[in-house]
Amino acid sequence: MNTFSFSLPQNIKFGRGSLDELSKIAETMKVKKAFIVSGPHLFKAGLVSKCAESLARAGISSESFTETEGNPSVETVNKATEYFKKSHADIIVAFGGGSPIDVAKAVAILGKYGGDITDYEGVGKVPGPVIPMIAIPTTAGTGSEVTAFSVITDHFRNYKLTVGSNYLLPEHVLLDPDLIKTVPVRTAAFCGVDAMVHALEAYISKASSPFSDMMSIKALELIGANIKPYVADRSNDDVAGAMLLGSLFAGIAFSHARLGNVHAMSHPVSAYYDVPHGLANAIILPVVVEYNALSDQGKYYEIYKRICSNPVTKKEFRSKMLVEEIRALNHTLDIPWSLKDVGVKEDMISAMAEDAMKSGNIAVNPRTTTKSDIEELYKKAMA
């Protein structure tokens, strides 16, 4: 068993109506002015104004930046940072899915230390505490509210850079199931599978531990039992809450155990073709699970039991059954079959494979992987 350690230095509150707690939390943090980072859809839906109204009840003023895109860019981070500095706010409220939360983390760094977000690329380059953050996720998928990473697209390199530091963990997290009940159906599907991939890859990672395994298994149980009914009807309180918690536990799991080839491969797909992150993960997942089967030592069956509605016994189980179950789930959720279906071209495979190999997730994938292996996996995902 590997040596491991873990910490959970965050205050997390779950429950319907938790958004109303924002003003109380901000008061305890002695906030004078808040800067809300969100996206255009939440702004149009009037949800960003609900954040501002909650803060106003405590006498706290706020300004907002709502221009984050699906795969947030360096340019967006720079623009949001400029707005933040002009606001003279003393706290950042990250309100939205993974993209606004990732941008908020980047702004929290640059707002404190300056420079460009590329200066902090890698792990451990953030010099100290950043601007305090409160995270309020509005999708059940990324788990970014409990991860120590910010992923930003650098269009100059067609590359998704990652900044990793425990300083990026928001001090407070509010999980309100009411906020994810109006998510569009495709977003719900993509984010739901993304959360499942987080749990699965963390569970089979070389860096997994009893702690991360516990989080992964609970995440798989919650997501496996609820992803279909959630996509079918996001208004169900219990189902929405289960998906939000599943995403949270999966985020904690991969924050401690990292991920694997699926994420290493999906980031270049999103960087080159602007494919939604969860969609890229969903398409690549069955191909990588099939590839990693050679390294399985019993965990595949544990995953299979939790995502299959009618599993066979352990004696009857074969690894291909897990692959088939994932493909069936993708089909049920109306997820495209191959990377070709989302516009990926074969002539970019070599470049994408080169970028994928730069990911630290390759090193913890359970089966040793070379660039030629990644190229073959991309070709299979194109078929």
Protein backbone atom coordinates (compact mmCIF):
# COMPACT_ATOMS: atom_id res chain seq x y z
CA MET A 1 0.00 0.00 0.00
CA ASN A 2 1.28 3.47 -0.94
CA THR A 3 2.12 6.05 1.70
CA PHE A 4 -0.56 8.73 1.61
CA SER A 5 -1.90 11.81 3.36
CA PHE A 6 -5.02 13.89 3.06
CA SER A 7 -6.58 17.11 4.31
CA LEU A 8 -9.97 18.76 3.88
CA PRO A 9 -9.35 22.41 4.79
CA GLN A 10 -12.77 23.63 3.63
CA ASN A 11 -16.15 24.47 5.10
CA ILE A 12 -18.86 22.74 3.06
CA LYS A 13 -22.61 23.18 3.46
CA PHE A 14 -25.15 21.07 1.55
CA GLY A 15 -28.90 21.56 1.32
CA ARG A 16 -31.73 23.18 -0.59
CA GLY A 17 -31.67 26.94 -0.22
CA SER A 18 -28.01 26.99 0.80
CA LEU A 19 -27.46 29.99 -1.45
CA ASP A 20 -29.21 32.05 1.23
CA GLU A 21 -26.27 31.27 3.54
CA LEU A 22 -23.93 33.33 1.35
CA SER A 23 -24.62 36.55 3.25
CA LYS A 24 -23.98 34.93 6.64
CA ILE A 25 -20.69 33.42 5.48
CA ALA A 26 -19.55 36.71 3.95
CA GLU A 27 -20.36 38.45 7.24
CA THR A 28 -18.23 35.99 9.23
CA MET A 29 -15.38 36.66 6.80
CA LYS A 30 -15.80 40.41 7.42
CA VAL A 31 -16.24 41.10 3.72
CA LYS A 32 -16.76 44.68 2.56
CA LYS A 33 -17.18 44.03 -1.16
CA ALA A 34 -17.48 40.84 -3.24
CA PHE A 35 -16.54 40.05 -6.84
CA ILE A 36 -18.79 37.43 -8.45
CA VAL A 37 -17.33 35.32 -11.28
CA SER A 38 -19.98 33.54 -13.31
CA GLY A 39 -21.19 32.85 -16.86
CA PRO A 40 -23.62 34.46 -19.34
CA HIS A 41 -26.33 31.79 -18.99
CA LEU A 42 -26.54 32.20 -15.22
CA PHE A 43 -26.61 35.97 -15.66
CA LYS A 44 -29.51 35.75 -18.14
CA ALA A 45 -31.34 33.33 -15.84
CA GLY A 46 -31.23 35.91 -13.05
CA LEU A 47 -29.21 33.66 -10.74
CA VAL A 48 -26.19 35.98 -10.52
CA SER A 49 -28.49 38.69 -9.21
CA LYS A 50 -29.64 36.27 -6.49
CA CYS A 51 -26.02 36.06 -5.31
CA ALA A 52 -25.80 39.84 -5.26
CA GLU A 53 -29.12 40.09 -3.41
CA SER A 54 -27.96 37.63 -0.75
CA LEU A 55 -24.81 39.67 -0.19
CA ALA A 56 -26.78 42.92 -0.12
CA ARG A 57 -28.91 41.60 2.75
CA ALA A 58 -25.75 41.70 4.83
CA GLY A 59 -24.89 45.18 3.59
CA ILE A 60 -22.16 43.84 1.27
CA SER A 61 -21.88 45.39 -2.18
CA SER A 62 -20.74 43.39 -5.20
CA GLU A 63 -19.67 43.55 -8.82
CA SER A 64 -19.71 40.68 -11.28
CA PHE A 65 -17.87 39.27 -14.27
CA THR A 66 -20.12 36.98 -16.34
CA GLU A 67 -18.16 36.41 -19.54
CA THR A 68 -16.61 33.00 -18.83
CA GLU A 69 -16.81 30.52 -21.71
CA GLY A 70 -16.98 26.72 -21.82
CA ASN A 71 -13.22 26.21 -22.00
CA PRO A 72 -11.99 29.41 -20.30
CA SER A 73 -8.97 31.07 -21.87
CA VAL A 74 -5.96 33.03 -20.71
CA GLU A 75 -7.55 36.08 -22.31
CA THR A 76 -10.71 35.65 -20.23
CA VAL A 77 -8.64 35.30 -17.06
CA ASN A 78 -6.78 38.51 -17.88
CA LYS A 79 -10.02 40.38 -18.54
CA ALA A 80 -11.65 39.09 -15.34
CA THR A 81 -8.54 40.03 -13.34
CA GLU A 82 -8.66 43.57 -14.73
CA TYR A 83 -12.31 43.86 -13.66
CA PHE A 84 -11.48 42.46 -10.23
CA LYS A 85 -8.70 44.97 -9.61
CA LYS A 86 -10.95 47.85 -10.60
CA SER A 87 -13.67 46.61 -8.25
CA HIS A 88 -11.45 46.78 -5.15
CA ALA A 89 -13.30 43.73 -3.81
CA ASP A 90 -11.80 41.73 -0.98
CA ILE A 91 -13.38 38.34 -1.77
CA ILE A 92 -14.30 36.32 -4.87
CA VAL A 93 -17.55 34.37 -5.20
CA ALA A 94 -17.13 31.61 -7.81
CA PHE A 95 -20.66 30.93 -9.04
CA GLY A 96 -21.24 28.40 -11.81
CA GLY A 97 -19.80 25.24 -13.29
CA GLY A 98 -16.15 24.32 -13.59
CA SER A 99 -15.33 27.15 -15.99
CA PRO A 100 -16.30 30.08 -13.73
CA ILE A 101 -14.74 28.37 -10.73
CA ASP A 102 -11.48 27.79 -12.62
CA VAL A 103 -11.45 31.43 -13.74
CA ALA A 104 -12.16 32.58 -10.18
CA LYS A 105 -9.18 30.58 -8.91
CA ALA A 106 -6.92 32.12 -11.56
CA VAL A 107 -8.16 35.62 -10.71
CA ALA A 108 -7.56 34.90 -7.02
CA ILE A 109 -3.90 34.26 -7.86
CA LEU A 110 -3.33 37.18 -10.22
CA GLY A 111 -5.34 39.56 -8.06
CA LYS A 112 -2.92 38.86 -5.22
CA TYR A 113 0.42 38.28 -6.94
CA GLY A 114 0.10 39.69 -10.46
CA GLY A 115 1.79 38.38 -13.58
CA ASP A 116 0.24 36.00 -16.09
CA ILE A 117 -1.52 32.75 -15.25
CA THR A 118 1.07 30.89 -17.35
CA ASP A 119 3.67 31.95 -14.75
CA TYR A 120 1.98 29.62 -12.26
CA GLU A 121 1.57 26.60 -14.54
CA GLY A 122 2.36 23.33 -12.81
CA VAL A 123 2.12 22.30 -9.18
CA GLY A 124 3.33 24.32 -6.21
CA LYS A 125 4.11 27.60 -7.96
CA VAL A 126 1.52 29.72 -6.15
CA PRO A 127 3.64 31.46 -3.50
CA GLY A 128 1.05 31.76 -0.74
CA PRO A 129 -2.59 32.38 0.18
CA VAL A 130 -4.69 33.91 -2.61
CA ILE A 131 -7.73 36.19 -2.53
CA PRO A 132 -10.33 34.42 -0.32
CA MET A 133 -13.01 32.50 -2.25
CA ILE A 134 -16.50 31.12 -1.75
CA ALA A 135 -17.50 28.52 -4.36
CA ILE A 136 -21.10 27.79 -5.33
CA PRO A 137 -21.33 25.10 -8.06
CA THR A 138 -24.32 25.14 -10.41
CA THR A 139 -23.57 21.89 -12.25
CA ALA A 140 -23.05 18.35 -11.01
CA GLY A 141 -19.86 17.41 -12.75
CA THR A 142 -16.54 19.16 -12.36
CA GLY A 143 -15.99 19.03 -8.61
CA SER A 144 -13.85 22.14 -9.05
CA GLU A 145 -15.20 23.56 -5.81
CA VAL A 146 -13.15 20.99 -3.86
CA THR A 147 -10.10 20.57 -6.09
CA ALA A 148 -6.74 22.30 -5.86
CA PHE A 149 -6.53 22.88 -9.62
CA SER A 150 -7.43 25.52 -12.18
CA VAL A 151 -7.47 24.49 -15.85
CA ILE A 152 -7.16 27.30 -18.40
CA THR A 153 -6.88 27.15 -22.20
CA ASP A 154 -3.83 28.82 -23.73
CA HIS A 155 -4.88 29.47 -27.34
CA PHE A 156 -1.35 30.57 -28.25
CA ARG A 157 -0.19 26.98 -27.67
CA ASN A 158 -3.55 25.25 -28.26
CA TYR A 159 -2.96 23.78 -24.83
CA LYS A 160 -4.89 23.41 -21.58
CA LEU A 161 -2.57 24.45 -18.77
CA THR A 162 -3.10 23.37 -15.18
CA VAL A 163 -2.23 25.32 -12.05
CA GLY A 164 -2.16 23.18 -8.92
CA SER A 165 -1.93 24.39 -5.34
CA ASN A 166 -3.82 23.81 -2.09
CA TYR A 167 -4.04 27.59 -1.86
CA LEU A 168 -6.69 27.34 -4.61
CA LEU A 169 -9.17 25.48 -2.41
CA PRO A 170 -12.11 27.83 -1.71
CA GLU A 171 -12.51 28.50 2.00
CA HIS A 172 -16.28 27.95 1.84
CA VAL A 173 -18.45 25.82 -0.46
CA LEU A 174 -22.24 26.01 -0.77
CA LEU A 175 -23.98 23.03 -2.39
CA ASP A 176 -27.56 23.95 -3.26
CA PRO A 177 -29.47 21.28 -5.25
CA ASP A 178 -31.97 23.94 -6.35
CA LEU A 179 -29.23 25.55 -8.45
CA ILE A 180 -28.69 22.49 -10.68
CA LYS A 181 -32.35 21.72 -11.37
CA THR A 182 -32.58 23.94 -14.46
CA VAL A 183 -29.35 22.79 -16.14
CA PRO A 184 -29.87 22.07 -19.89
CA VAL A 185 -30.17 18.37 -20.68
CA ARG A 186 -26.92 18.12 -22.66
CA THR A 187 -24.96 19.96 -19.98
CA ALA A 188 -26.43 17.62 -17.36
CA ALA A 189 -25.33 14.58 -19.39
CA PHE A 190 -21.81 15.83 -20.14
CA CYS A 191 -21.17 17.02 -16.58
CA GLY A 192 -22.64 13.85 -15.08
CA VAL A 193 -20.34 11.60 -17.09
CA ASP A 194 -17.42 13.92 -16.29
CA ALA A 195 -18.07 13.36 -12.58
CA MET A 196 -18.24 9.61 -13.15
CA VAL A 197 -14.90 9.72 -14.99
CA HIS A 198 -13.35 11.63 -12.07
CA ALA A 199 -14.42 8.90 -9.66
CA LEU A 200 -13.41 6.05 -11.97
CA GLU A 201 -9.97 7.40 -12.86
CA ALA A 202 -9.18 8.35 -9.27
CA TYR A 203 -10.21 4.85 -8.13
CA ILE A 204 -7.86 3.02 -10.52
CA SER A 205 -5.06 5.59 -10.34
CA LYS A 206 -1.60 4.47 -9.23
CA ALA A 207 -1.79 7.29 -6.67
CA SER A 208 -5.06 6.08 -5.12
CA SER A 209 -5.29 5.46 -1.38
CA PRO A 210 -7.89 4.02 1.01
CA PHE A 211 -9.12 7.59 1.56
CA SER A 212 -9.52 8.45 -2.13
CA ASP A 213 -10.98 4.99 -2.83
CA MET A 214 -13.68 5.61 -0.23
CA MET A 215 -14.61 8.89 -1.91
CA SER A 216 -14.51 7.32 -5.39
CA ILE A 217 -16.77 4.43 -4.45
CA LYS A 218 -19.38 6.66 -2.83
CA ALA A 219 -19.29 8.95 -5.87
CA LEU A 220 -19.78 5.99 -8.22
CA GLU A 221 -22.72 4.75 -6.14
CA LEU A 222 -24.46 8.12 -6.21
CA ILE A 223 -23.74 8.90 -9.86
CA GLY A 224 -24.40 5.37 -11.13
CA ALA A 225 -27.82 5.27 -9.48
CA ASN A 226 -28.88 8.80 -10.38
CA ILE A 227 -27.33 10.01 -13.63
CA LYS A 228 -30.08 8.64 -15.90
CA PRO A 229 -33.01 9.92 -13.85
CA TYR A 230 -31.21 13.25 -13.38
CA VAL A 231 -30.74 13.78 -17.10
CA ALA A 232 -34.34 12.71 -17.64
CA ASP A 233 -35.76 15.08 -15.01
CA ARG A 234 -33.50 17.60 -13.31
CA SER A 235 -36.36 18.90 -11.16
CA ASN A 236 -36.31 15.87 -8.84
CA ASP A 237 -34.93 17.14 -5.51
CA ASP A 238 -33.42 13.87 -4.28
CA VAL A 239 -31.81 12.99 -7.60
CA ALA A 240 -30.33 16.47 -8.06
CA GLY A 241 -28.93 16.37 -4.53
CA ALA A 242 -27.41 12.93 -5.07
CA MET A 243 -25.67 14.07 -8.26
CA LEU A 244 -24.32 17.19 -6.56
CA LEU A 245 -22.87 15.10 -3.73
CA GLY A 246 -21.52 12.51 -6.17
CA SER A 247 -19.69 15.25 -8.03
CA LEU A 248 -18.32 16.60 -4.73
CA PHE A 249 -16.98 13.21 -3.58
CA ALA A 250 -15.47 12.54 -7.01
CA GLY A 251 -13.74 15.92 -6.87
CA ILE A 252 -12.25 15.14 -3.47
CA ALA A 253 -11.12 11.74 -4.77
CA PHE A 254 -9.24 13.01 -7.80
CA SER A 255 -7.83 15.99 -5.92
CA HIS A 256 -5.97 13.41 -3.81
CA ALA A 257 -5.36 10.63 -6.39
CA ARG A 258 -5.14 12.50 -9.73
CA LEU A 259 -6.76 11.06 -12.86
CA GLY A 260 -5.47 9.14 -15.90
CA ASN A 261 -5.36 8.80 -19.68
CA VAL A 262 -8.95 9.92 -20.23
CA HIS A 263 -8.27 13.41 -18.92
CA ALA A 264 -4.80 13.56 -20.43
CA MET A 265 -6.38 12.88 -23.84
CA SER A 266 -9.52 14.99 -23.46
CA HIS A 267 -7.73 18.24 -22.67
CA PRO A 268 -6.06 18.51 -26.11
CA VAL A 269 -9.38 17.68 -27.78
CA SER A 270 -11.00 20.61 -25.98
CA ALA A 271 -8.02 22.89 -26.61
CA TYR A 272 -7.85 22.23 -30.37
CA TYR A 273 -11.55 21.82 -31.14
CA ASP A 274 -13.38 23.58 -28.28
CA VAL A 275 -15.27 20.38 -27.47
CA PRO A 276 -16.95 20.53 -24.04
CA HIS A 277 -14.71 18.85 -21.48
CA GLY A 278 -17.29 16.36 -20.24
CA LEU A 279 -18.24 15.37 -23.79
CA ALA A 280 -14.62 14.69 -24.74
CA ASN A 281 -14.20 12.58 -21.60
CA ALA A 282 -17.35 10.58 -22.33
CA ILE A 283 -16.25 9.66 -25.87
CA ILE A 284 -12.70 8.70 -24.84
CA LEU A 285 -13.69 6.82 -21.66
CA PRO A 286 -14.66 3.38 -23.07
CA VAL A 287 -11.52 3.22 -25.22
CA VAL A 288 -9.24 3.93 -22.26
CA VAL A 289 -11.13 1.57 -19.94
CA GLU A 290 -10.63 -1.18 -22.50
CA TYR A 291 -6.91 -0.34 -22.74
CA ASN A 292 -6.46 -0.31 -18.95
CA ALA A 293 -8.19 -3.67 -18.47
CA LEU A 294 -4.82 -5.43 -18.61
CA SER A 295 -3.84 -3.76 -15.32
CA ASP A 296 -7.08 -4.46 -13.45
CA GLN A 297 -6.77 -6.25 -10.11
CA GLY A 298 -10.43 -6.36 -9.14
CA LYS A 299 -11.47 -2.72 -9.17
CA TYR A 300 -13.28 -2.99 -12.53
CA TYR A 301 -15.94 -5.19 -10.96
CA GLU A 302 -16.42 -2.73 -8.10
CA ILE A 303 -17.00 0.05 -10.66
CA TYR A 304 -19.28 -2.15 -12.77
CA LYS A 305 -21.48 -3.03 -9.76
CA ARG A 306 -22.12 0.63 -9.08
CA ILE A 307 -23.00 1.80 -12.57
CA CYS A 308 -24.89 -1.27 -13.82
CA SER A 309 -28.55 -1.63 -12.86
CA ASN A 310 -28.47 -5.43 -13.15
CA PRO A 311 -24.87 -6.63 -12.60
CA VAL A 312 -23.65 -10.20 -12.94
CA THR A 313 -21.75 -11.95 -10.16
CA LYS A 314 -18.04 -11.40 -9.66
CA LYS A 315 -17.36 -14.92 -10.97
CA GLU A 316 -19.26 -14.16 -14.18
CA PHE A 317 -17.75 -10.70 -14.67
CA ARG A 318 -15.38 -9.91 -17.54
CA SER A 319 -13.71 -6.52 -18.07
CA LYS A 320 -15.43 -6.07 -21.43
CA MET A 321 -18.74 -5.89 -19.55
CA LEU A 322 -17.66 -2.62 -17.95
CA VAL A 323 -16.70 -1.24 -21.37
CA GLU A 324 -20.08 -2.30 -22.77
CA GLU A 325 -21.91 -0.75 -19.82
CA ILE A 326 -20.15 2.59 -20.35
CA ARG A 327 -20.94 2.55 -24.08
CA ALA A 328 -24.57 1.75 -23.29
CA LEU A 329 -24.72 4.65 -20.84
CA ASN A 330 -23.27 7.03 -23.41
CA HIS A 331 -25.85 5.84 -25.94
CA THR A 332 -28.70 6.32 -23.45
CA LEU A 333 -27.50 9.87 -22.72
CA ASP A 334 -27.30 10.64 -26.46
CA ILE A 335 -23.54 11.16 -26.38
CA PRO A 336 -21.82 10.88 -29.80
CA TRP A 337 -20.01 7.63 -30.51
CA SER A 338 -16.67 8.92 -31.80
CA LEU A 339 -14.37 11.93 -31.87
CA LYS A 340 -15.14 12.33 -35.58
CA ASP A 341 -18.70 13.17 -34.61
CA VAL A 342 -17.49 16.27 -32.75
CA GLY A 343 -15.20 17.50 -35.52
CA VAL A 344 -11.81 16.02 -34.56
CA LYS A 345 -9.51 15.38 -37.54
CA GLU A 346 -7.02 12.53 -37.81
CA ASP A 347 -4.22 14.82 -38.98
CA MET A 348 -4.13 16.36 -35.47
CA ILE A 349 -3.67 13.07 -33.61
CA SER A 350 0.11 13.34 -33.36
CA ALA A 351 -0.02 16.91 -32.02
CA MET A 352 -2.76 16.02 -29.53
CA ALA A 353 -0.83 12.95 -28.39
CA GLU A 354 2.25 15.07 -27.80
CA ASP A 355 0.24 17.46 -25.63
CA ALA A 356 -1.45 14.58 -23.80
CA MET A 357 1.93 13.18 -22.82
CA LYS A 358 2.72 16.45 -21.02
CA SER A 359 -0.06 15.76 -18.56
CA GLY A 360 0.91 14.49 -15.11
CA ASN A 361 -2.10 12.18 -15.32
CA ILE A 362 -0.22 9.87 -17.71
CA ALA A 363 2.20 8.93 -14.93
CA VAL A 364 -0.58 7.70 -12.62
CA ASN A 365 -2.62 5.87 -15.24
CA PRO A 366 -2.72 2.21 -14.14
CA ARG A 367 -1.22 0.95 -17.41
CA THR A 368 2.10 2.36 -18.62
CA THR A 369 1.49 4.56 -21.66
CA THR A 370 3.70 5.91 -24.45
CA LYS A 371 2.97 8.52 -27.09
CA SER A 372 2.35 5.80 -29.68
CA ASP A 373 -0.16 4.22 -27.28
CA ILE A 374 -1.99 7.55 -26.99
CA GLU A 375 -2.03 7.88 -30.78
CA GLU A 376 -3.60 4.42 -31.08
CA LEU A 377 -6.18 5.28 -28.44
CA TYR A 378 -7.11 8.45 -30.31
CA LYS A 379 -7.50 6.41 -33.53
CA LYS A 380 -9.80 3.98 -31.76
CA ALA A 381 -11.83 6.87 -30.38
CA MET A 382 -12.10 8.18 -33.94
CA ALA A 383 -13.42 4.88 -35.32
